[in-house]
Protein backbone atom coordinates (compact mmCIF):
# COMPACT_ATOMS: atom_id res chain seq x y z
CA MET A 1 -14.24 -27.09 -14.76
CA ARG A 2 -14.15 -28.50 -18.32
CA ARG A 3 -17.81 -27.68 -18.99
CA THR A 4 -17.50 -24.26 -17.40
CA TRP A 5 -14.42 -23.44 -19.47
CA ARG A 6 -16.07 -24.58 -22.69
CA ALA A 7 -19.26 -22.66 -22.03
CA ALA A 8 -17.37 -19.49 -21.22
CA THR A 9 -15.08 -19.80 -24.21
CA THR A 10 -18.08 -20.34 -26.49
CA ALA A 11 -19.60 -17.17 -25.08
CA LEU A 12 -16.41 -15.27 -25.90
CA VAL A 13 -15.53 -16.75 -29.30
CA SER A 14 -17.10 -19.27 -31.64
CA GLY A 15 -16.51 -21.43 -34.71
CA ALA A 16 -13.25 -20.91 -36.56
CA ALA A 17 -12.26 -18.15 -34.16
CA LEU A 18 -12.49 -20.59 -31.27
CA ALA A 19 -10.25 -23.07 -33.09
CA ALA A 20 -7.72 -20.33 -33.75
CA ALA A 21 -7.77 -19.31 -30.11
CA MET A 22 -7.15 -22.88 -29.01
CA MET A 23 -4.28 -23.30 -31.47
CA SER A 24 -2.61 -20.11 -30.23
CA PHE A 25 -2.94 -20.99 -26.53
CA THR A 26 0.33 -20.88 -24.61
CA PRO A 27 0.23 -22.07 -20.99
CA ALA A 28 0.96 -19.34 -18.49
CA GLN A 29 3.60 -19.67 -15.81
CA ALA A 30 3.35 -18.78 -12.15
CA ALA A 31 4.99 -15.39 -11.87
CA THR A 32 8.26 -14.78 -10.10
CA SER A 33 9.16 -11.24 -9.18
CA ARG A 34 11.93 -10.06 -11.47
CA PRO A 35 14.10 -7.06 -10.69
CA ALA A 36 12.33 -3.83 -11.54
CA THR A 37 13.34 -2.69 -15.02
CA PRO A 38 14.44 0.93 -15.65
CA VAL A 39 11.40 1.75 -17.77
CA PRO A 40 8.75 4.43 -17.50
CA PRO A 41 6.85 5.75 -15.77
CA ALA A 42 8.89 7.91 -13.44
CA PRO A 43 7.46 8.28 -9.94
CA SER A 44 5.38 11.37 -9.41
CA SER A 45 6.77 13.68 -6.73
CA VAL A 46 3.48 13.34 -4.83
CA LEU A 47 4.46 9.82 -3.74
CA SER A 48 7.56 10.78 -1.76
CA GLY A 49 7.40 11.18 1.99
CA SER A 50 6.10 9.51 5.12
CA TRP A 51 2.55 8.23 5.09
CA VAL A 52 0.58 7.41 8.24
CA ASN A 53 -2.39 5.04 8.55
CA THR A 54 -5.58 6.92 9.35
CA ASN A 55 -6.76 3.86 11.29
CA HIS A 56 -4.86 4.36 14.55
CA ALA A 57 -6.10 1.00 15.84
CA THR A 58 -4.64 -0.90 12.90
CA ARG A 59 -2.87 -4.20 13.50
CA ASP A 60 -1.15 -4.03 10.14
CA VAL A 61 0.88 -1.23 8.54
CA VAL A 62 1.30 1.89 10.68
CA ASP A 63 3.57 3.94 8.42
CA LEU A 64 4.93 3.78 4.87
CA VAL A 65 8.00 5.73 3.82
CA VAL A 66 8.32 6.28 0.07
CA GLY A 67 11.40 7.68 -1.65
CA ALA A 68 12.05 8.41 -5.33
CA THR A 69 15.04 7.06 -7.27
CA SER A 70 16.13 7.23 -10.90
CA LYS A 71 14.63 3.77 -11.45
CA GLY A 72 11.42 4.05 -9.45
CA VAL A 73 10.68 4.18 -5.75
CA THR A 74 11.94 2.74 -2.50
CA VAL A 75 9.40 1.68 0.11
CA ASP A 76 9.72 0.89 3.81
CA GLY A 77 6.88 -0.34 5.95
CA PHE A 78 6.40 -0.16 9.71
CA GLY A 79 4.09 -2.76 11.25
CA ALA A 80 1.96 -2.41 14.36
CA CYS A 81 4.09 -3.83 17.18
CA ASN A 82 4.38 -2.97 20.87
CA PRO A 83 5.78 -0.80 22.25
CA THR A 84 7.14 0.57 18.94
CA ALA A 85 6.48 -0.16 15.28
CA CYS A 86 8.38 -3.02 13.59
CA GLN A 87 10.42 -1.80 10.66
CA TRP A 88 10.21 -4.02 7.58
CA GLY A 89 13.22 -2.46 5.86
CA ARG A 90 13.64 -0.45 2.68
CA ILE A 91 13.16 -2.31 -0.63
CA ALA A 92 12.72 -1.30 -4.26
CA GLY A 93 9.17 -0.75 -5.46
CA THR A 94 7.73 -0.58 -8.96
CA VAL A 95 5.84 2.45 -10.27
CA PHE A 96 2.70 2.14 -12.38
CA GLY A 97 0.87 4.68 -14.51
CA PRO A 98 -2.66 4.72 -15.95
CA ASP A 99 -1.57 3.46 -19.40
CA VAL A 100 1.43 2.29 -21.44
CA SER A 101 2.25 5.86 -22.55
CA ALA A 102 2.28 7.46 -19.10
CA LYS A 103 5.32 9.60 -18.31
CA THR A 104 4.74 9.57 -14.56
CA GLY A 105 2.92 7.22 -12.21
CA THR A 106 1.07 7.61 -8.94
CA SER A 107 0.66 3.93 -8.07
CA PHE A 108 3.29 1.51 -6.83
CA ALA A 109 3.81 -2.09 -5.74
CA ALA A 110 6.33 -3.61 -3.31
CA GLN A 111 6.76 -7.13 -1.94
CA TRP A 112 8.67 -8.20 1.19
CA ASN A 113 10.06 -11.60 2.09
CA PHE A 114 10.02 -12.04 5.86
CA GLY A 115 11.03 -15.71 5.82
CA PHE A 116 7.81 -16.82 7.49
CA ALA A 117 5.58 -14.84 5.11
CA ARG A 118 5.39 -12.72 1.97
CA THR A 119 3.63 -9.37 2.02
CA VAL A 120 2.56 -7.56 -1.15
CA VAL A 121 1.63 -3.88 -0.89
CA LEU A 122 -0.30 -2.22 -3.73
CA ALA A 123 -0.79 1.52 -3.30
CA ARG A 124 -2.75 4.11 -5.29
CA TYR A 125 -2.57 7.90 -4.86
CA ALA A 126 -5.62 10.17 -5.03
CA THR A 127 -6.82 13.48 -3.57
CA PRO A 128 -10.33 12.98 -2.19
CA ARG A 129 -11.58 16.31 -0.81
CA ARG A 130 -8.18 17.69 -1.91
CA VAL A 131 -6.37 15.61 0.72
CA PRO A 132 -3.33 13.66 -0.60
CA THR A 133 -4.19 10.04 0.13
CA LEU A 134 -2.79 6.58 -0.45
CA THR A 135 -5.19 3.67 -0.65
CA VAL A 136 -3.05 0.70 0.37
CA GLN A 137 -3.92 -2.95 -0.15
CA GLU A 138 -1.84 -5.40 1.87
CA PHE A 139 -1.77 -9.11 0.99
CA THR A 140 0.04 -11.44 3.42
CA THR A 141 0.75 -15.06 2.53
CA PHE A 142 2.10 -17.33 5.27
CA THR A 143 4.78 -19.84 4.26
CA ASP A 144 5.92 -21.24 7.62
CA GLY A 145 3.36 -24.01 8.05
CA SER A 146 1.84 -22.24 11.05
CA HIS A 147 -1.65 -22.60 9.53
CA ARG A 148 -2.30 -18.93 9.92
CA ALA A 149 -4.62 -17.98 7.08
CA ASN A 150 -3.50 -15.74 4.24
CA TYR A 151 -5.24 -12.41 4.75
CA THR A 152 -5.75 -9.05 3.12
CA THR A 153 -6.66 -5.59 4.30
CA THR A 154 -7.21 -2.22 2.65
CA GLU A 155 -6.48 0.98 4.57
CA THR A 156 -6.08 4.69 3.95
CA PHE A 157 -2.88 6.71 4.51
CA THR A 158 -2.26 10.45 4.59
CA LYS A 159 0.97 12.45 4.85
CA GLY A 160 2.47 12.41 8.34
CA PRO A 161 5.60 13.32 10.30
CA ALA A 162 8.92 12.11 8.93
CA VAL A 163 9.78 8.54 9.92
CA ARG A 164 13.42 7.49 9.95
CA VAL A 165 14.46 4.49 7.85
CA THR A 166 17.33 2.59 9.49
CA LYS A 167 17.63 -0.73 7.69
CA LEU A 168 17.28 -2.55 4.40
CA GLY A 169 14.59 -5.14 3.81
CA THR A 170 14.44 -8.27 1.67
CA SER A 171 12.38 -8.26 -1.50
CA ALA A 172 10.29 -11.33 -2.27
CA ALA A 173 11.12 -13.34 -5.38
CA ASN A 174 7.96 -15.37 -5.87
CA TYR A 175 4.27 -15.74 -5.05
CA PRO A 176 3.72 -18.90 -2.97
CA LEU A 177 0.18 -20.13 -2.32
CA GLY A 178 0.78 -20.23 1.44
CA ASP A 179 -2.15 -21.17 3.65
CA SER A 180 -4.83 -20.14 1.20
CA VAL A 181 -8.37 -20.00 2.54
CA SER A 182 -11.35 -21.59 0.82
CA PRO A 183 -12.94 -19.31 -1.80
CA VAL A 184 -16.44 -18.15 -0.89
CA ALA A 185 -19.25 -19.79 -2.87
CA ALA A 186 -19.82 -16.73 -5.06
CA LEU A 187 -16.21 -16.52 -6.25
CA PRO A 188 -15.99 -19.57 -8.57
CA ALA A 189 -17.88 -18.44 -11.68
CA VAL A 190 -17.44 -17.16 -15.20
CA TRP A 191 -16.94 -13.40 -14.98
CA ILE A 192 -17.36 -11.17 -18.04
CA ASN A 193 -16.38 -7.54 -18.55
CA PRO A 194 -19.43 -5.72 -19.99
CA ALA A 195 -17.25 -2.89 -21.32
CA ALA A 196 -16.41 -2.77 -25.04
CA THR A 197 -12.71 -2.20 -24.38
CA GLY A 198 -10.34 -2.64 -21.47
CA ASP A 199 -7.57 -4.87 -20.16
CA VAL A 200 -9.33 -7.90 -18.62
CA ARG A 201 -12.03 -9.32 -20.92
CA ALA A 202 -13.06 -12.28 -18.76
CA VAL A 203 -11.97 -14.33 -15.75
CA ILE A 204 -12.98 -17.94 -15.15
CA LEU A 205 -12.65 -18.97 -11.52
CA SER A 206 -13.10 -22.59 -10.45
CA ARG A 207 -12.17 -24.96 -7.64
CA THR A 208 -9.64 -27.72 -8.17
CA ASN A 209 -10.15 -31.20 -6.72
CA SER A 210 -8.17 -30.07 -3.67
CA GLY A 211 -10.44 -27.07 -3.14
CA ALA A 212 -7.89 -24.50 -4.33
CA LEU A 213 -8.79 -21.70 -6.73
CA GLU A 214 -7.86 -21.97 -10.40
CA VAL A 215 -7.76 -18.75 -12.42
CA ARG A 216 -8.03 -18.50 -16.21
CA ALA A 217 -8.02 -14.95 -17.55
CA TYR A 218 -8.59 -13.41 -20.97
CA GLY A 219 -7.49 -10.03 -22.30
CA TYR A 220 -8.96 -7.78 -24.97
CA CYS A 221 -7.51 -8.82 -28.34
CA SER A 222 -8.88 -8.90 -31.89
CA PRO A 223 -10.44 -10.87 -33.45
CA VAL A 224 -10.63 -13.14 -30.38
CA PRO A 225 -9.82 -12.57 -26.69
CA CYS A 226 -6.23 -13.35 -25.61
CA ASN A 227 -6.04 -16.47 -23.48
CA TRP A 228 -3.63 -15.72 -20.66
CA GLY A 229 -3.74 -19.32 -19.49
CA SER A 230 -4.49 -20.95 -16.17
CA VAL A 231 -2.62 -20.37 -12.88
CA GLY A 232 -3.20 -21.24 -9.25
CA GLY A 233 -4.94 -18.48 -7.36
CA ILE A 234 -3.85 -17.30 -3.91
CA THR A 235 -7.01 -16.83 -1.85
CA LEU A 236 -7.07 -14.56 1.19
CA GLY A 237 -9.43 -13.94 4.08
CA SER A 238 -9.93 -10.90 6.25
CA SER A 239 -7.80 -12.17 9.17
CA ILE A 240 -5.33 -14.89 10.14
CA SER A 241 -8.27 -16.88 11.56
CA SER A 242 -10.37 -16.83 8.37
CA THR A 243 -11.48 -20.10 6.82
CA SER A 244 -12.87 -18.55 3.63
CA GLY A 245 -12.27 -15.43 1.59
CA ARG A 246 -13.61 -13.38 -1.29
CA THR A 247 -10.25 -12.03 -2.49
CA PHE A 248 -7.58 -13.61 -4.71
CA LEU A 249 -4.26 -12.88 -6.38
CA ALA A 250 -3.18 -14.55 -9.62
CA PRO A 251 0.41 -13.89 -10.77
CA TYR A 252 1.25 -14.34 -14.47
CA THR A 253 4.58 -14.34 -16.30
CA PHE A 254 4.77 -13.67 -20.03
CA SER A 255 7.84 -13.30 -22.23
CA PHE A 256 7.45 -9.53 -22.28
CA ALA A 257 5.83 -8.69 -18.94
CA ASP A 258 4.76 -9.77 -15.47
CA LYS A 259 1.12 -9.25 -14.63
CA LEU A 260 -0.43 -9.49 -11.18
CA LEU A 261 -4.18 -9.97 -11.33
CA GLY A 262 -6.15 -9.33 -8.16
CA GLY A 263 -9.87 -9.60 -7.61
CA ALA A 264 -12.58 -9.47 -4.97
CA VAL A 265 -16.25 -10.43 -5.20
CA ASN A 266 -18.87 -8.30 -3.47
CA ALA A 267 -21.09 -9.68 -0.70
CA ALA A 268 -24.04 -10.12 -3.07
CA GLY A 269 -21.95 -12.14 -5.53
CA THR A 270 -22.98 -9.85 -8.39
CA ARG A 271 -19.73 -8.00 -9.07
CA LEU A 272 -16.05 -8.95 -9.32
CA THR A 273 -13.69 -5.99 -9.09
CA VAL A 274 -10.34 -6.81 -10.67
CA GLN A 275 -7.05 -4.96 -10.79
CA ALA A 276 -4.30 -5.82 -13.25
CA TRP A 277 -0.79 -4.55 -12.51
CA THR A 278 1.39 -4.94 -15.62
CA GLN A 279 5.17 -4.59 -15.39
CA PHE A 280 7.05 -4.72 -18.70
CA THR A 281 10.30 -6.70 -18.60
CA ASP A 282 11.34 -6.41 -22.26
CA HIS A 283 12.91 -2.93 -22.07
CA SER A 284 10.48 -1.80 -24.77
CA GLY A 285 10.01 1.63 -23.22
CA ARG A 286 6.33 1.01 -22.53
CA SER A 287 5.18 2.23 -19.14
CA ASN A 288 4.11 -0.15 -16.40
CA TYR A 289 0.40 0.41 -15.83
CA MET A 290 -2.51 -0.69 -13.68
CA THR A 291 -6.21 -0.95 -14.42
CA THR A 292 -9.33 -1.43 -12.31
CA GLU A 293 -12.38 -3.01 -13.92
CA SER A 294 -15.75 -4.41 -12.87
CA LEU A 295 -16.93 -7.83 -14.10
CA ILE A 296 -20.35 -9.48 -13.89
CA PRO A 297 -21.18 -13.21 -13.73
CA LEU A 298 -22.16 -15.00 -16.95
CA ARG A 299 -25.69 -16.35 -16.49
């Protein structure tokens, strides 16, 4: 890890700039979910309503019910159970826009605490072929010692019949590692954003001595990239029986914001797609925002 970190840092900054970056380094903290702050953006009206999974054979989320409030959104999930769906309960969600100046947002995040597991839902609205659609990523981390593997799935939702919400849920307050799977061989690497500007400049992924994933991320700053610090990554497979996975979550806490960094490497190991969900906690009036970027390995 030491050599990898040094090589990557040298590729990003050099000489006096490197020394300055090292002097300004502040260790990151593992993020804990703070109460959503009453800041922009307001939820777009397109988010409200009942959303049904287009995969009728799903074993995960069947329906999502989204409601708008003065401070954001409420979200209730219904899991695939027999003979009827299991209601997760209504909790507060956080709205995200495309940038810090957005007045409205069409993306949201919500996280449930079920006692035995945490489930994070990240949803993005779009209109492919003019059909209102939510692309929903679900990340489940098991905390009960059952040795079920953390897993993730991405599914598509469209507007459906009204679903009645009858109970409140429990929001999660942290991001435990759970039963993380082993990262696939292509995941640990130095990943660089080839774009001239953006949010995530580089991500260094490595294995610890225990086999867990360590994440060190950098943002776009001048004259040198911002060192976000190093946090433990939560790795997820495609099912509860997975032993390895190509997807990770890395939660960060800063004095002014919480940032959830998620990434997945493609099958060829040539591309790391990362999403950064930034929630401001300093009441600065800046809008929560999310970005999606594509990184390539440093050769």
